[in-house]
N, C-alpha and C. Protein backbone atom coordinates (compact mmCIF):
# COMPACT_ATOMS: atom_id res chain seq x y z
N MET A 1 -16.40 49.02 -44.16
CA MET A 1 -16.36 50.44 -45.00
C MET A 1 -17.10 50.89 -45.07
N THR A 2 -19.02 50.58 -44.82
CA THR A 2 -19.80 51.39 -45.39
C THR A 2 -19.64 52.13 -43.52
N VAL A 3 -19.31 51.81 -42.43
CA VAL A 3 -19.17 52.42 -41.22
C VAL A 3 -18.45 53.53 -41.25
N GLY A 4 -16.92 53.16 -41.91
CA GLY A 4 -15.92 54.55 -42.29
C GLY A 4 -16.35 55.81 -43.46
N ARG A 5 -17.23 55.36 -44.44
CA ARG A 5 -17.20 56.06 -45.29
C ARG A 5 -18.68 56.96 -44.49
N SER A 6 -19.32 56.50 -43.67
CA SER A 6 -20.61 56.93 -43.08
C SER A 6 -19.87 57.96 -42.19
N LEU A 7 -19.07 57.73 -41.11
CA LEU A 7 -18.14 58.77 -40.58
C LEU A 7 -18.06 59.26 -41.22
N VAL A 8 -17.01 59.10 -42.11
CA VAL A 8 -16.03 60.70 -42.88
C VAL A 8 -17.49 61.42 -43.90
N LEU A 9 -18.70 61.15 -43.89
CA LEU A 9 -19.46 62.07 -44.59
C LEU A 9 -20.39 62.50 -43.39
N PHE A 10 -20.63 61.76 -41.93
CA PHE A 10 -20.90 63.16 -40.54
C PHE A 10 -19.91 63.90 -40.95
N VAL A 11 -18.45 63.64 -40.54
CA VAL A 11 -17.46 64.92 -40.43
C VAL A 11 -17.80 65.96 -41.74
N LEU A 12 -17.79 65.78 -42.83
CA LEU A 12 -18.11 66.54 -43.77
C LEU A 12 -19.60 67.11 -43.34
N ALA A 13 -20.18 66.81 -42.91
CA ALA A 13 -21.46 67.35 -43.24
C ALA A 13 -21.39 68.55 -41.82
N ALA A 14 -20.74 67.43 -41.12
CA ALA A 14 -20.47 69.47 -39.53
C ALA A 14 -19.41 70.28 -40.38
N LEU A 15 -18.49 70.10 -40.59
CA LEU A 15 -17.99 70.84 -41.01
C LEU A 15 -18.00 71.85 -42.25
N ALA A 16 -19.39 70.93 -43.09
CA ALA A 16 -20.08 71.99 -44.14
C ALA A 16 -21.50 73.26 -43.09
N GLU A 17 -22.54 72.23 -42.05
CA GLU A 17 -23.15 73.08 -41.65
C GLU A 17 -22.51 73.83 -39.97
N ILE A 18 -21.82 73.45 -40.17
CA ILE A 18 -21.12 74.28 -38.98
C ILE A 18 -20.75 75.24 -39.08
N GLY A 19 -19.63 75.33 -39.67
CA GLY A 19 -18.61 76.63 -40.70
C GLY A 19 -19.69 77.20 -41.62
N GLY A 20 -20.93 76.91 -42.01
CA GLY A 20 -21.54 77.91 -42.65
C GLY A 20 -22.66 79.07 -41.35
N ALA A 21 -22.89 78.26 -40.73
CA ALA A 21 -23.23 78.68 -39.30
C ALA A 21 -22.56 79.54 -38.74
N TRP A 22 -20.95 78.96 -38.53
CA TRP A 22 -20.21 79.87 -38.15
C TRP A 22 -20.00 81.26 -38.63
N LEU A 23 -20.09 81.08 -39.95
CA LEU A 23 -20.11 82.10 -41.47
C LEU A 23 -20.72 83.31 -40.79
N VAL A 24 -22.10 82.88 -41.04
CA VAL A 24 -23.30 84.18 -41.34
C VAL A 24 -23.01 84.37 -39.60
N TRP A 25 -23.26 83.79 -38.63
CA TRP A 25 -22.71 84.57 -37.38
C TRP A 25 -21.84 85.52 -37.73
N GLN A 26 -20.57 85.10 -38.24
CA GLN A 26 -19.22 86.21 -38.33
C GLN A 26 -19.84 87.57 -39.04
N GLY A 27 -20.37 87.31 -40.06
CA GLY A 27 -20.87 88.15 -40.88
C GLY A 27 -22.32 88.95 -40.21
N VAL A 28 -22.99 88.40 -39.58
CA VAL A 28 -23.63 89.22 -38.94
C VAL A 28 -23.12 89.60 -37.53
N ARG A 29 -23.37 88.60 -36.45
CA ARG A 29 -23.04 89.23 -35.31
C ARG A 29 -21.72 90.06 -35.25
N GLU A 30 -20.15 90.17 -36.73
CA GLU A 30 -19.62 90.23 -35.85
C GLU A 30 -19.10 91.49 -37.11
N HIS A 31 -19.82 91.80 -37.46
CA HIS A 31 -20.51 92.70 -38.51
C HIS A 31 -19.60 92.43 -40.39
N ARG A 32 -18.55 91.77 -40.22
CA ARG A 32 -18.00 91.07 -40.74
C ARG A 32 -18.68 91.17 -42.74
N GLY A 33 -19.73 91.13 -42.96
CA GLY A 33 -20.45 91.54 -44.13
C GLY A 33 -21.06 90.42 -45.32
N LEU A 34 -21.96 91.13 -45.83
CA LEU A 34 -21.80 89.71 -47.03
C LEU A 34 -21.51 88.92 -47.68
N LEU A 35 -20.53 89.06 -47.53
CA LEU A 35 -19.52 87.69 -48.37
C LEU A 35 -19.74 87.12 -47.42
N TRP A 36 -19.26 87.14 -46.03
CA TRP A 36 -19.10 86.12 -44.99
C TRP A 36 -20.81 85.44 -45.42
N ILE A 37 -21.53 85.98 -44.89
CA ILE A 37 -22.56 85.49 -44.98
C ILE A 37 -23.30 84.84 -45.83
N ALA A 38 -22.73 85.26 -47.23
CA ALA A 38 -22.83 84.37 -48.66
C ALA A 38 -22.20 82.96 -48.53
N GLY A 39 -21.51 83.19 -47.87
CA GLY A 39 -20.17 81.56 -47.69
C GLY A 39 -21.20 80.73 -46.83
N GLY A 40 -21.41 81.62 -46.05
CA GLY A 40 -22.33 80.17 -45.21
C GLY A 40 -23.35 79.97 -45.48
N VAL A 41 -23.87 80.77 -46.49
CA VAL A 41 -25.12 80.10 -47.40
C VAL A 41 -25.01 78.85 -48.24
N VAL A 42 -23.76 79.41 -48.74
CA VAL A 42 -22.86 78.68 -49.96
C VAL A 42 -22.79 76.88 -48.55
N ALA A 43 -22.02 77.23 -47.72
CA ALA A 43 -21.39 75.90 -46.85
C ALA A 43 -22.99 75.48 -46.31
N LEU A 44 -24.25 76.01 -45.81
CA LEU A 44 -25.41 75.40 -45.32
C LEU A 44 -26.00 74.63 -46.51
N GLY A 45 -25.71 75.30 -47.91
CA GLY A 45 -26.36 74.06 -48.66
C GLY A 45 -26.08 73.45 -48.75
N ALA A 46 -24.21 73.23 -49.02
CA ALA A 46 -23.53 71.70 -49.09
C ALA A 46 -23.28 70.85 -48.21
N TYR A 47 -24.24 71.53 -47.10
CA TYR A 47 -23.97 70.76 -45.80
C TYR A 47 -25.69 69.59 -46.17
N GLY A 48 -26.32 70.19 -46.69
CA GLY A 48 -28.09 69.34 -47.41
C GLY A 48 -27.69 68.44 -48.28
N PHE A 49 -26.61 69.02 -48.95
CA PHE A 49 -26.05 67.31 -50.20
C PHE A 49 -25.24 66.11 -49.60
N VAL A 50 -24.29 66.82 -49.06
CA VAL A 50 -23.54 66.28 -48.24
C VAL A 50 -24.53 64.89 -47.43
N ALA A 51 -25.38 65.23 -46.84
CA ALA A 51 -26.02 64.35 -45.57
C ALA A 51 -26.79 63.32 -47.01
N THR A 52 -27.36 63.76 -48.23
CA THR A 52 -28.21 62.65 -48.64
C THR A 52 -26.83 61.51 -49.40
N LEU A 53 -25.93 61.65 -49.46
CA LEU A 53 -24.66 60.29 -49.15
C LEU A 53 -24.71 59.56 -48.56
N GLN A 54 -25.20 59.76 -47.67
CA GLN A 54 -25.07 58.59 -46.44
C GLN A 54 -25.45 57.17 -46.76
N PRO A 55 -24.61 56.27 -46.39
CA PRO A 55 -25.16 54.94 -46.70
C PRO A 55 -26.61 54.69 -46.78
N ASP A 56 -27.10 54.66 -45.55
CA ASP A 56 -28.43 54.53 -45.18
C ASP A 56 -29.54 55.53 -45.76
N ALA A 57 -30.72 54.44 -46.22
CA ALA A 57 -31.95 55.51 -46.89
C ALA A 57 -32.22 56.26 -46.08
N HIS A 58 -32.75 56.03 -44.68
CA HIS A 58 -33.39 56.70 -43.78
C HIS A 58 -33.36 57.94 -43.42
N PHE A 59 -34.09 58.90 -44.07
CA PHE A 59 -33.73 60.08 -43.52
C PHE A 59 -33.81 60.66 -42.00
N GLY A 60 -35.21 59.72 -41.51
CA GLY A 60 -35.14 60.41 -39.64
C GLY A 60 -33.74 60.08 -39.40
N ARG A 61 -33.21 58.76 -39.70
CA ARG A 61 -32.39 58.10 -39.00
C ARG A 61 -30.95 58.64 -39.13
N ILE A 62 -30.38 59.36 -40.42
CA ILE A 62 -29.82 60.15 -40.67
C ILE A 62 -29.21 61.46 -39.99
N LEU A 63 -31.03 62.09 -39.51
CA LEU A 63 -30.83 63.46 -39.23
C LEU A 63 -30.84 63.29 -38.27
N ALA A 64 -31.03 62.10 -37.85
CA ALA A 64 -31.36 61.98 -36.12
C ALA A 64 -29.66 61.51 -35.34
N ALA A 65 -29.22 61.13 -35.50
CA ALA A 65 -27.87 60.54 -35.62
C ALA A 65 -27.24 61.87 -36.20
N TYR A 66 -27.44 62.70 -36.81
CA TYR A 66 -26.34 63.38 -37.03
C TYR A 66 -26.28 64.68 -35.90
N GLY A 67 -27.57 64.73 -35.52
CA GLY A 67 -27.41 65.58 -34.16
C GLY A 67 -26.68 65.49 -33.30
N GLY A 68 -26.27 64.28 -33.00
CA GLY A 68 -25.25 63.84 -32.25
C GLY A 68 -24.10 64.50 -32.27
N VAL A 69 -23.63 63.94 -34.21
CA VAL A 69 -22.32 64.67 -34.16
C VAL A 69 -22.64 66.37 -33.82
N PHE A 70 -23.10 67.25 -34.50
CA PHE A 70 -23.54 68.54 -34.91
C PHE A 70 -23.26 68.96 -33.11
N VAL A 71 -23.39 68.09 -32.12
CA VAL A 71 -23.57 68.82 -30.88
C VAL A 71 -22.06 68.99 -30.28
N ALA A 72 -20.85 67.12 -30.80
CA ALA A 72 -20.09 67.29 -29.82
C ALA A 72 -18.87 67.95 -31.21
N GLY A 73 -20.07 67.95 -32.90
CA GLY A 73 -18.56 68.95 -33.55
C GLY A 73 -18.91 70.61 -33.21
N SER A 74 -20.07 70.99 -33.13
CA SER A 74 -20.15 72.61 -32.36
C SER A 74 -19.20 72.88 -31.27
N LEU A 75 -19.08 71.73 -30.29
CA LEU A 75 -18.28 72.52 -28.71
C LEU A 75 -16.62 72.50 -29.36
N LEU A 76 -16.27 71.50 -30.46
CA LEU A 76 -14.82 71.73 -30.74
C LEU A 76 -14.66 72.45 -31.94
N TRP A 77 -15.72 72.83 -32.71
CA TRP A 77 -15.61 73.80 -33.48
C TRP A 77 -15.63 75.48 -32.73
N GLY A 78 -16.22 75.33 -31.67
CA GLY A 78 -16.03 76.29 -30.37
C GLY A 78 -14.60 76.57 -29.92
N VAL A 79 -14.01 75.48 -29.71
CA VAL A 79 -12.65 75.22 -28.71
C VAL A 79 -11.45 76.12 -30.38
N VAL A 80 -11.73 75.42 -31.16
CA VAL A 80 -10.74 75.71 -31.92
C VAL A 80 -10.88 76.94 -32.79
N ALA A 81 -12.29 77.63 -33.12
CA ALA A 81 -12.58 78.84 -34.31
C ALA A 81 -12.93 79.64 -32.92
N ASP A 82 -13.11 79.94 -31.37
CA ASP A 82 -13.24 80.77 -30.80
C ASP A 82 -12.63 81.27 -29.51
N GLY A 83 -12.33 79.77 -29.05
CA GLY A 83 -11.83 79.63 -27.27
C GLY A 83 -11.99 79.56 -26.82
N PHE A 84 -13.29 78.25 -26.91
CA PHE A 84 -14.18 78.03 -26.05
C PHE A 84 -13.52 77.18 -25.41
N ARG A 85 -13.98 76.94 -23.75
CA ARG A 85 -13.33 75.98 -22.97
C ARG A 85 -14.29 75.03 -22.35
N PRO A 86 -14.75 73.82 -23.26
CA PRO A 86 -15.70 73.28 -21.88
C PRO A 86 -15.64 72.77 -21.04
N ASP A 87 -16.86 72.74 -20.47
CA ASP A 87 -16.32 72.34 -19.22
C ASP A 87 -16.78 70.83 -19.33
N ARG A 88 -16.86 70.17 -17.77
CA ARG A 88 -17.19 68.57 -17.76
C ARG A 88 -18.57 67.92 -18.29
N TRP A 89 -19.28 69.15 -17.78
CA TRP A 89 -20.98 69.11 -18.88
C TRP A 89 -20.92 68.93 -19.66
N ASP A 90 -20.19 69.87 -20.85
CA ASP A 90 -19.99 69.73 -21.88
C ASP A 90 -19.67 69.17 -22.48
N LEU A 91 -18.31 68.11 -22.31
CA LEU A 91 -18.00 66.94 -22.61
C LEU A 91 -18.66 65.48 -22.16
N LEU A 92 -19.05 65.86 -21.19
CA LEU A 92 -19.97 64.91 -21.05
C LEU A 92 -21.78 64.31 -22.17
N GLY A 93 -21.91 65.38 -22.17
CA GLY A 93 -22.98 65.72 -23.22
C GLY A 93 -22.64 65.30 -24.26
N ALA A 94 -21.27 65.24 -24.85
CA ALA A 94 -20.56 65.46 -26.16
C ALA A 94 -21.18 63.90 -26.27
N ALA A 95 -19.56 63.21 -25.14
CA ALA A 95 -20.02 62.22 -25.26
C ALA A 95 -21.07 61.29 -25.49
N VAL A 96 -22.46 61.04 -24.51
CA VAL A 96 -23.62 60.87 -24.36
C VAL A 96 -24.16 60.86 -25.94
N CYS A 97 -23.96 62.14 -26.68
CA CYS A 97 -24.44 61.91 -27.84
C CYS A 97 -23.85 61.41 -29.44
N LEU A 98 -22.62 61.23 -28.75
CA LEU A 98 -21.66 60.33 -29.84
C LEU A 98 -22.11 59.28 -29.66
N VAL A 99 -22.38 58.97 -27.89
CA VAL A 99 -22.44 57.39 -28.09
C VAL A 99 -24.22 56.61 -28.88
N GLY A 100 -25.17 57.66 -28.38
CA GLY A 100 -26.04 57.55 -29.83
C GLY A 100 -25.99 57.53 -31.36
N VAL A 101 -25.16 58.51 -31.50
CA VAL A 101 -24.62 58.56 -32.84
C VAL A 101 -24.67 56.84 -33.68
N GLY A 102 -24.06 55.92 -32.60
CA GLY A 102 -23.49 54.87 -32.72
C GLY A 102 -24.35 53.46 -32.65
N VAL A 103 -25.66 54.11 -31.99
CA VAL A 103 -26.84 53.08 -31.28
C VAL A 103 -27.62 53.66 -32.78
N ILE A 104 -27.62 54.79 -32.41
CA ILE A 104 -28.79 55.03 -34.01
C ILE A 104 -28.01 54.12 -35.48
N MET A 105 -26.97 54.30 -35.59
CA MET A 105 -26.59 54.50 -36.50
C MET A 105 -25.84 53.16 -36.89
N TYR A 106 -25.08 52.61 -35.97
CA TYR A 106 -24.48 51.60 -36.04
C TYR A 106 -24.78 49.72 -35.63
N ALA A 107 -26.07 49.86 -34.97
CA ALA A 107 -26.52 49.11 -34.32
C ALA A 107 -26.87 47.78 -34.83
N PRO A 108 -26.50 46.45 -34.52
CA PRO A 108 -26.97 45.11 -35.48
C PRO A 108 -28.58 45.29 -36.03
N ARG A 109 -29.07 45.16 -37.15
CA ARG A 109 -30.09 44.95 -37.11
C ARG A 109 -30.73 43.92 -38.72
N ARG A 110 -31.81 43.49 -39.04
CA ARG A 110 -31.68 42.25 -39.00
C ARG A 110 -32.26 42.98 -40.92
């Protein structure tokens, strides 16, 4: 169950961080205003807390692995929210990153 919990936390962290960054982007670059920016700041703060709930106690490992989730999640967010169409290299890069997440987080250790 620890792997399942960890994966759920990675997804929640990605939603908070990517969503927060997107809200700030919309507020600033698309001129949607301070409420969008404030919502983004709150979501980015929530990301920081979600990351601390990972079952592994090593900050560096969690953040390194989360980087791969962030890459894949950012591409997916772009598809859903902005109509972005990733090419095969985007997809290959995201797959490599997710394999890295698996190796970093879930490889057997003593």
